[in-house]
Amino acid sequence: MSPESRHSSHEDAGRDDSADERAEKAAPAHEVLAGLQADGPGGRDTDDQGAQVEALRKELAVMVEGVRTQRELYLRAAAEIDNVRKRAQRDIEQAHRYGIEGFAAELLAVRDSLELGVHSGASADAATLLEGQAATLKLLDRAFEKYAIRQIDPLGERFDPNQHEAMMMQDAADAEPNSVLQVVQPGYELNGRLLRPARVIVAKAL
């Protein structure tokens, strides 16, 4: 074989080696392309991202609906509270205005009895007038009892500054010191609340 032929053979072999190397390097690119084609446009990552976005959209829609529901419940509760407040205010106003309506009705009978006594006073004798006054007092006591108005009559009891008003101190050898000797004017309380203290004379310590 001539030198030229050998040289040509070496060149052909070199070219063949380069072609093989290029083919080996190109193979992974074909594989990647085949993978991308198999995955479709965008690949698997794009599909995963789309699924995540869709899931987030659904979750956001649920949250928005929950907020809307809570807002409606809040507005409904606020309206109900406002209605309750208005009703309570009306009830308080009615109680202030007509709270003694029942007691006033009871007093009408007492006034009627007093008026009858005044009209018949000129022609009635003392016994009849006394009987009328006793009946009137009984009507008043009945009204007091019905509305929990209790008389305070502390004769012989220990002086209590919370319920009694001392008019004077008086020596008394047969009474306990600081006890009530005489009730000048009885007191009254309404359901345990003092309306008027009993005015009393108190025994002085000897």
C-alpha atoms as a PDB file:
ATOM      1  CA  MET A   1       0.000   0.000   0.000  1.00  0.00           C
ATOM      2  CA  SER A   2       1.322   3.396  -0.937  1.00  0.00           C
ATOM      3  CA  PRO A   3       1.918   6.175   1.582  1.00  0.00           C
ATOM      4  CA  GLU A   4      -0.908   8.100   0.074  1.00  0.00           C
ATOM      5  CA  SER A   5      -3.271   5.204   0.535  1.00  0.00           C
ATOM      6  CA  ARG A   6      -2.210   4.755   4.139  1.00  0.00           C
ATOM      7  CA  HIS A   7      -2.703   8.428   4.843  1.00  0.00           C
ATOM      8  CA  SER A   8      -6.131   8.330   3.270  1.00  0.00           C
ATOM      9  CA  SER A   9      -7.054   5.301   5.346  1.00  0.00           C
ATOM     10  CA  HIS A  10      -5.986   7.079   8.537  1.00  0.00           C
ATOM     11  CA  GLU A  11      -8.100  10.082   7.645  1.00  0.00           C
ATOM     12  CA  ASP A  12     -11.114   7.884   6.937  1.00  0.00           C
ATOM     13  CA  ALA A  13     -10.647   6.138  10.269  1.00  0.00           C
ATOM     14  CA  GLY A  14     -10.371   9.476  12.069  1.00  0.00           C
ATOM     15  CA  ARG A  15     -13.525  10.661  10.401  1.00  0.00           C
ATOM     16  CA  ASP A  16     -15.309   7.467  11.395  1.00  0.00           C
ATOM     17  CA  ASP A  17     -14.167   7.898  15.015  1.00  0.00           C
ATOM     18  CA  SER A  18     -15.434  11.498  15.095  1.00  0.00           C
ATOM     19  CA  ALA A  19     -18.773  10.425  13.679  1.00  0.00           C
ATOM     20  CA  ASP A  20     -19.130   7.750  16.339  1.00  0.00           C
ATOM     21  CA  GLU A  21     -18.297  10.244  19.092  1.00  0.00           C
ATOM     22  CA  ARG A  22     -20.855  12.691  17.731  1.00  0.00           C
ATOM     23  CA  ALA A  23     -23.469   9.969  17.615  1.00  0.00           C
ATOM     24  CA  GLU A  24     -22.747   9.027  21.232  1.00  0.00           C
ATOM     25  CA  LYS A  25     -23.019  12.668  22.338  1.00  0.00           C
ATOM     26  CA  ALA A  26     -26.220  13.202  20.397  1.00  0.00           C
ATOM     27  CA  ALA A  27     -27.961  10.180  21.870  1.00  0.00           C
ATOM     28  CA  PRO A  28     -28.839  11.807  25.248  1.00  0.00           C
ATOM     29  CA  ALA A  29     -30.352  14.810  23.433  1.00  0.00           C
ATOM     30  CA  HIS A  30     -32.628  12.481  21.487  1.00  0.00           C
ATOM     31  CA  GLU A  31     -33.609  10.790  24.708  1.00  0.00           C
ATOM     32  CA  VAL A  32     -34.408  14.149  26.390  1.00  0.00           C
ATOM     33  CA  LEU A  33     -36.426  15.225  23.370  1.00  0.00           C
ATOM     34  CA  ALA A  34     -38.285  11.927  23.387  1.00  0.00           C
ATOM     35  CA  GLY A  35     -39.022  12.444  27.087  1.00  0.00           C
ATOM     36  CA  LEU A  36     -40.301  15.960  26.518  1.00  0.00           C
ATOM     37  CA  GLN A  37     -42.466  14.756  23.642  1.00  0.00           C
ATOM     38  CA  ALA A  38     -43.832  11.959  25.801  1.00  0.00           C
ATOM     39  CA  ASP A  39     -44.627  14.421  28.594  1.00  0.00           C
ATOM     40  CA  GLY A  40     -46.360  16.787  26.170  1.00  0.00           C
ATOM     41  CA  PRO A  41     -46.002  20.576  26.089  1.00  0.00           C
ATOM     42  CA  GLY A  42     -44.463  21.899  29.269  1.00  0.00           C
ATOM     43  CA  GLY A  43     -43.616  18.514  30.727  1.00  0.00           C
ATOM     44  CA  ARG A  44     -44.604  16.948  34.038  1.00  0.00           C
ATOM     45  CA  ASP A  45     -43.494  19.981  36.061  1.00  0.00           C
ATOM     46  CA  THR A  46     -46.031  22.183  34.267  1.00  0.00           C
ATOM     47  CA  ASP A  47     -48.810  19.683  34.936  1.00  0.00           C
ATOM     48  CA  ASP A  48     -47.871  19.531  38.624  1.00  0.00           C
ATOM     49  CA  GLN A  49     -47.862  23.307  38.907  1.00  0.00           C
ATOM     50  CA  GLY A  50     -51.245  23.511  37.192  1.00  0.00           C
ATOM     51  CA  ALA A  51     -52.685  20.968  39.626  1.00  0.00           C
ATOM     52  CA  GLN A  52     -51.295  22.926  42.588  1.00  0.00           C
ATOM     53  CA  VAL A  53     -52.776  26.176  41.264  1.00  0.00           C
ATOM     54  CA  GLU A  54     -56.147  24.514  40.797  1.00  0.00           C
ATOM     55  CA  ALA A  55     -56.023  23.096  44.328  1.00  0.00           C
ATOM     56  CA  LEU A  56     -55.148  26.533  45.707  1.00  0.00           C
ATOM     57  CA  ARG A  57     -58.039  28.067  43.771  1.00  0.00           C
ATOM     58  CA  LYS A  58     -60.465  25.579  45.270  1.00  0.00           C
ATOM     59  CA  GLU A  59     -59.072  26.159  48.768  1.00  0.00           C
ATOM     60  CA  LEU A  60     -59.346  29.932  48.311  1.00  0.00           C
ATOM     61  CA  ALA A  61     -62.939  29.581  47.124  1.00  0.00           C
ATOM     62  CA  VAL A  62     -63.779  27.560  50.238  1.00  0.00           C
ATOM     63  CA  MET A  63     -62.118  30.180  52.463  1.00  0.00           C
ATOM     64  CA  VAL A  64     -63.961  33.039  50.743  1.00  0.00           C
ATOM     65  CA  GLU A  65     -67.261  31.236  51.171  1.00  0.00           C
ATOM     66  CA  GLY A  66     -66.457  30.643  54.845  1.00  0.00           C
ATOM     67  CA  VAL A  67     -65.683  34.325  55.365  1.00  0.00           C
ATOM     68  CA  ARG A  68     -68.932  35.295  53.641  1.00  0.00           C
ATOM     69  CA  THR A  69     -70.891  32.913  55.856  1.00  0.00           C
ATOM     70  CA  GLN A  70     -69.211  34.201  59.021  1.00  0.00           C
ATOM     71  CA  ARG A  71     -69.921  37.790  57.993  1.00  0.00           C
ATOM     72  CA  GLU A  72     -73.600  36.998  57.471  1.00  0.00           C
ATOM     73  CA  LEU A  73     -73.763  35.306  60.870  1.00  0.00           C
ATOM     74  CA  TYR A  74     -72.056  38.306  62.474  1.00  0.00           C
ATOM     75  CA  LEU A  75     -74.452  40.784  60.871  1.00  0.00           C
ATOM     76  CA  ARG A  76     -77.411  38.663  61.925  1.00  0.00           C
ATOM     77  CA  ALA A  77     -76.151  38.415  65.505  1.00  0.00           C
ATOM     78  CA  ALA A  78     -75.419  42.154  65.628  1.00  0.00           C
ATOM     79  CA  ALA A  79     -78.954  42.924  64.439  1.00  0.00           C
ATOM     80  CA  GLU A  80     -80.425  40.576  67.046  1.00  0.00           C
ATOM     81  CA  ILE A  81     -78.335  42.160  69.814  1.00  0.00           C
ATOM     82  CA  ASP A  82     -79.505  45.595  68.724  1.00  0.00           C
ATOM     83  CA  ASN A  83     -83.129  44.430  68.818  1.00  0.00           C
ATOM     84  CA  VAL A  84     -82.645  42.980  72.304  1.00  0.00           C
ATOM     85  CA  ARG A  85     -81.066  46.240  73.468  1.00  0.00           C
ATOM     86  CA  LYS A  86     -83.973  48.269  72.089  1.00  0.00           C
ATOM     87  CA  ARG A  87     -86.530  45.961  73.692  1.00  0.00           C
ATOM     88  CA  ALA A  88     -84.717  46.157  77.028  1.00  0.00           C
ATOM     89  CA  GLN A  89     -84.612  49.944  76.783  1.00  0.00           C
ATOM     90  CA  ARG A  90     -88.358  50.045  76.106  1.00  0.00           C
ATOM     91  CA  ASP A  91     -89.003  47.708  79.030  1.00  0.00           C
ATOM     92  CA  ILE A  92     -86.924  49.927  81.330  1.00  0.00           C
ATOM     93  CA  GLU A  93     -88.785  53.018  80.176  1.00  0.00           C
ATOM     94  CA  GLN A  94     -92.101  51.257  80.741  1.00  0.00           C
ATOM     95  CA  ALA A  95     -90.972  50.126  84.191  1.00  0.00           C
ATOM     96  CA  HIS A  96     -89.960  53.677  85.132  1.00  0.00           C
ATOM     97  CA  ARG A  97     -93.209  55.092  83.846  1.00  0.00           C
ATOM     98  CA  TYR A  98     -95.661  52.432  85.030  1.00  0.00           C
ATOM     99  CA  GLY A  99     -93.683  50.546  87.692  1.00  0.00           C
ATOM    100  CA  ILE A 100     -96.054  51.619  90.484  1.00  0.00           C
ATOM    101  CA  GLU A 101     -99.192  51.034  88.452  1.00  0.00           C
ATOM    102  CA  GLY A 102    -100.303  48.090  90.605  1.00  0.00           C
ATOM    103  CA  PHE A 103     -99.534  49.883  93.844  1.00  0.00           C
ATOM    104  CA  ALA A 104    -101.353  52.984  92.636  1.00  0.00           C
ATOM    105  CA  ALA A 105    -104.400  50.851  91.861  1.00  0.00           C
ATOM    106  CA  GLU A 106    -104.327  49.507  95.435  1.00  0.00           C
ATOM    107  CA  LEU A 107    -104.175  53.056  96.797  1.00  0.00           C
ATOM    108  CA  LEU A 108    -107.329  54.012  94.923  1.00  0.00           C
ATOM    109  CA  ALA A 109    -109.374  51.915  97.349  1.00  0.00           C
ATOM    110  CA  VAL A 110    -107.693  53.687 100.269  1.00  0.00           C
ATOM    111  CA  ARG A 111    -108.534  57.080  98.801  1.00  0.00           C
ATOM    112  CA  ASP A 112    -112.115  56.060  98.162  1.00  0.00           C
ATOM    113  CA  SER A 113    -112.461  55.042 101.797  1.00  0.00           C
ATOM    114  CA  LEU A 114    -110.952  58.311 103.027  1.00  0.00           C
ATOM    115  CA  GLU A 115    -113.199  60.330 100.728  1.00  0.00           C
ATOM    116  CA  LEU A 116    -116.265  58.489 101.966  1.00  0.00           C
ATOM    117  CA  GLY A 117    -115.249  59.220 105.568  1.00  0.00           C
ATOM    118  CA  VAL A 118    -114.854  62.934 104.825  1.00  0.00           C
ATOM    119  CA  HIS A 119    -118.237  63.179 103.095  1.00  0.00           C
ATOM    120  CA  SER A 120    -120.051  61.379 105.884  1.00  0.00           C
ATOM    121  CA  GLY A 121    -118.071  62.996 108.699  1.00  0.00           C
ATOM    122  CA  ALA A 122    -120.598  65.735 109.401  1.00  0.00           C
ATOM    123  CA  SER A 123    -123.460  63.322 110.009  1.00  0.00           C
ATOM    124  CA  ALA A 124    -121.568  60.301 111.412  1.00  0.00           C
ATOM    125  CA  ASP A 125    -120.890  59.698 115.074  1.00  0.00           C
ATOM    126  CA  ALA A 126    -117.443  59.113 116.532  1.00  0.00           C
ATOM    127  CA  ALA A 127    -117.795  55.311 116.579  1.00  0.00           C
ATOM    128  CA  THR A 128    -118.718  55.224 112.904  1.00  0.00           C
ATOM    129  CA  LEU A 129    -115.805  57.483 111.991  1.00  0.00           C
ATOM    130  CA  LEU A 130    -113.421  55.336 114.018  1.00  0.00           C
ATOM    131  CA  GLU A 131    -114.702  52.219 112.294  1.00  0.00           C
ATOM    132  CA  GLY A 132    -114.207  53.846 108.888  1.00  0.00           C
ATOM    133  CA  GLN A 133    -110.649  54.877 109.732  1.00  0.00           C
ATOM    134  CA  ALA A 134    -109.823  51.341 110.895  1.00  0.00           C
ATOM    135  CA  ALA A 135    -111.195  49.953 107.619  1.00  0.00           C
ATOM    136  CA  THR A 136    -109.135  52.447 105.645  1.00  0.00           C
ATOM    137  CA  LEU A 137    -105.993  51.532 107.582  1.00  0.00           C
ATOM    138  CA  LYS A 138    -106.660  47.861 106.902  1.00  0.00           C
ATOM    139  CA  LEU A 139    -106.884  48.564 103.158  1.00  0.00           C
ATOM    140  CA  LEU A 140    -103.575  50.407 103.293  1.00  0.00           C
ATOM    141  CA  ASP A 141    -101.885  47.621 105.262  1.00  0.00           C
ATOM    142  CA  ARG A 142    -103.123  45.110 102.702  1.00  0.00           C
ATOM    143  CA  ALA A 143    -101.590  47.163  99.871  1.00  0.00           C
ATOM    144  CA  PHE A 144     -98.301  47.431 101.780  1.00  0.00           C
ATOM    145  CA  GLU A 145     -98.211  43.688 102.377  1.00  0.00           C
ATOM    146  CA  LYS A 146     -98.918  42.931  98.726  1.00  0.00           C
ATOM    147  CA  TYR A 147     -95.996  45.063  97.593  1.00  0.00           C
ATOM    148  CA  ALA A 148     -93.556  43.922 100.314  1.00  0.00           C
ATOM    149  CA  ILE A 149     -93.628  47.181 102.295  1.00  0.00           C
ATOM    150  CA  ARG A 150     -92.881  46.214 105.885  1.00  0.00           C
ATOM    151  CA  GLN A 151     -93.268  48.358 108.966  1.00  0.00           C
ATOM    152  CA  ILE A 152     -90.272  48.695 111.305  1.00  0.00           C
ATOM    153  CA  ASP A 153     -91.412  48.795 114.933  1.00  0.00           C
ATOM    154  CA  PRO A 154     -88.287  48.110 117.047  1.00  0.00           C
ATOM    155  CA  LEU A 155     -89.728  48.597 120.559  1.00  0.00           C
ATOM    156  CA  GLY A 156     -87.499  46.794 123.064  1.00  0.00           C
ATOM    157  CA  GLU A 157     -84.909  45.884 120.435  1.00  0.00           C
ATOM    158  CA  ARG A 158     -81.281  46.954 120.398  1.00  0.00           C
ATOM    159  CA  PHE A 159     -80.722  50.262 118.632  1.00  0.00           C
ATOM    160  CA  ASP A 160     -79.621  49.750 115.014  1.00  0.00           C
ATOM    161  CA  PRO A 161     -78.277  52.868 113.284  1.00  0.00           C
ATOM    162  CA  ASN A 162     -78.946  51.235 109.902  1.00  0.00           C
ATOM    163  CA  GLN A 163     -82.705  51.160 110.551  1.00  0.00           C
ATOM    164  CA  HIS A 164     -83.321  53.501 113.478  1.00  0.00           C
ATOM    165  CA  GLU A 165     -82.952  57.219 114.038  1.00  0.00           C
ATOM    166  CA  ALA A 166     -82.352  58.204 117.691  1.00  0.00           C
ATOM    167  CA  MET A 167     -84.431  61.222 118.651  1.00  0.00           C
ATOM    168  CA  MET A 168     -83.013  61.364 122.169  1.00  0.00           C
ATOM    169  CA  MET A 169     -81.314  59.313 124.908  1.00  0.00           C
ATOM    170  CA  GLN A 170     -83.194  58.661 128.131  1.00  0.00           C
ATOM    171  CA  ASP A 171     -82.275  57.125 131.471  1.00  0.00           C
ATOM    172  CA  ALA A 172     -84.040  53.827 132.142  1.00  0.00           C
ATOM    173  CA  ALA A 173     -83.128  51.646 135.091  1.00  0.00           C
ATOM    174  CA  ASP A 174     -85.282  48.730 133.939  1.00  0.00           C
ATOM    175  CA  ALA A 175     -84.086  48.649 130.287  1.00  0.00           C
ATOM    176  CA  GLU A 176     -80.956  47.393 128.594  1.00  0.00           C
ATOM    177  CA  PRO A 177     -78.532  50.193 127.688  1.00  0.00           C
ATOM    178  CA  ASN A 178     -78.774  51.214 124.045  1.00  0.00           C
ATOM    179  CA  SER A 179     -82.166  49.559 123.607  1.00  0.00           C
ATOM    180  CA  VAL A 180     -85.268  51.221 122.151  1.00  0.00           C
ATOM    181  CA  LEU A 181     -87.516  52.583 124.890  1.00  0.00           C
ATOM    182  CA  GLN A 182     -90.155  54.163 122.698  1.00  0.00           C
ATOM    183  CA  VAL A 183     -91.011  54.306 119.006  1.00  0.00           C
ATOM    184  CA  VAL A 184     -91.939  57.874 118.134  1.00  0.00           C
ATOM    185  CA  GLN A 185     -92.609  57.052 114.484  1.00  0.00           C
ATOM    186  CA  PRO A 186     -92.339  53.616 112.855  1.00  0.00           C
ATOM    187  CA  GLY A 187     -90.043  53.077 109.936  1.00  0.00           C
ATOM    188  CA  TYR A 188     -90.689  51.255 106.651  1.00  0.00           C
ATOM    189  CA  GLU A 189     -88.679  49.148 104.227  1.00  0.00           C
ATOM    190  CA  LEU A 190     -89.398  47.915 100.699  1.00  0.00           C
ATOM    191  CA  ASN A 191     -88.107  44.422  99.926  1.00  0.00           C
ATOM    192  CA  GLY A 192     -85.368  44.896 102.496  1.00  0.00           C
ATOM    193  CA  ARG A 193     -84.433  48.419 101.360  1.00  0.00           C
ATOM    194  CA  LEU A 194     -84.981  51.141 103.920  1.00  0.00           C
ATOM    195  CA  LEU A 195     -87.642  53.689 102.983  1.00  0.00           C
ATOM    196  CA  ARG A 196     -87.688  55.547 106.290  1.00  0.00           C
ATOM    197  CA  PRO A 197     -85.862  54.841 109.556  1.00  0.00           C
ATOM    198  CA  ALA A 198     -87.855  54.324 112.714  1.00  0.00           C
ATOM    199  CA  ARG A 199     -87.585  57.372 114.968  1.00  0.00           C
ATOM    200  CA  VAL A 200     -86.948  56.166 118.477  1.00  0.00           C
ATOM    201  CA  ILE A 201     -85.958  57.067 122.007  1.00  0.00           C
ATOM    202  CA  VAL A 202     -82.967  55.055 123.216  1.00  0.00           C
ATOM    203  CA  ALA A 203     -82.089  53.905 126.739  1.00  0.00           C
ATOM    204  CA  LYS A 204     -78.989  55.580 128.122  1.00  0.00           C
ATOM    205  CA  ALA A 205     -76.337  53.514 129.900  1.00  0.00           C
ATOM    206  CA  LEU A 206     -76.280  54.326 133.636  1.00  0.00           C
END
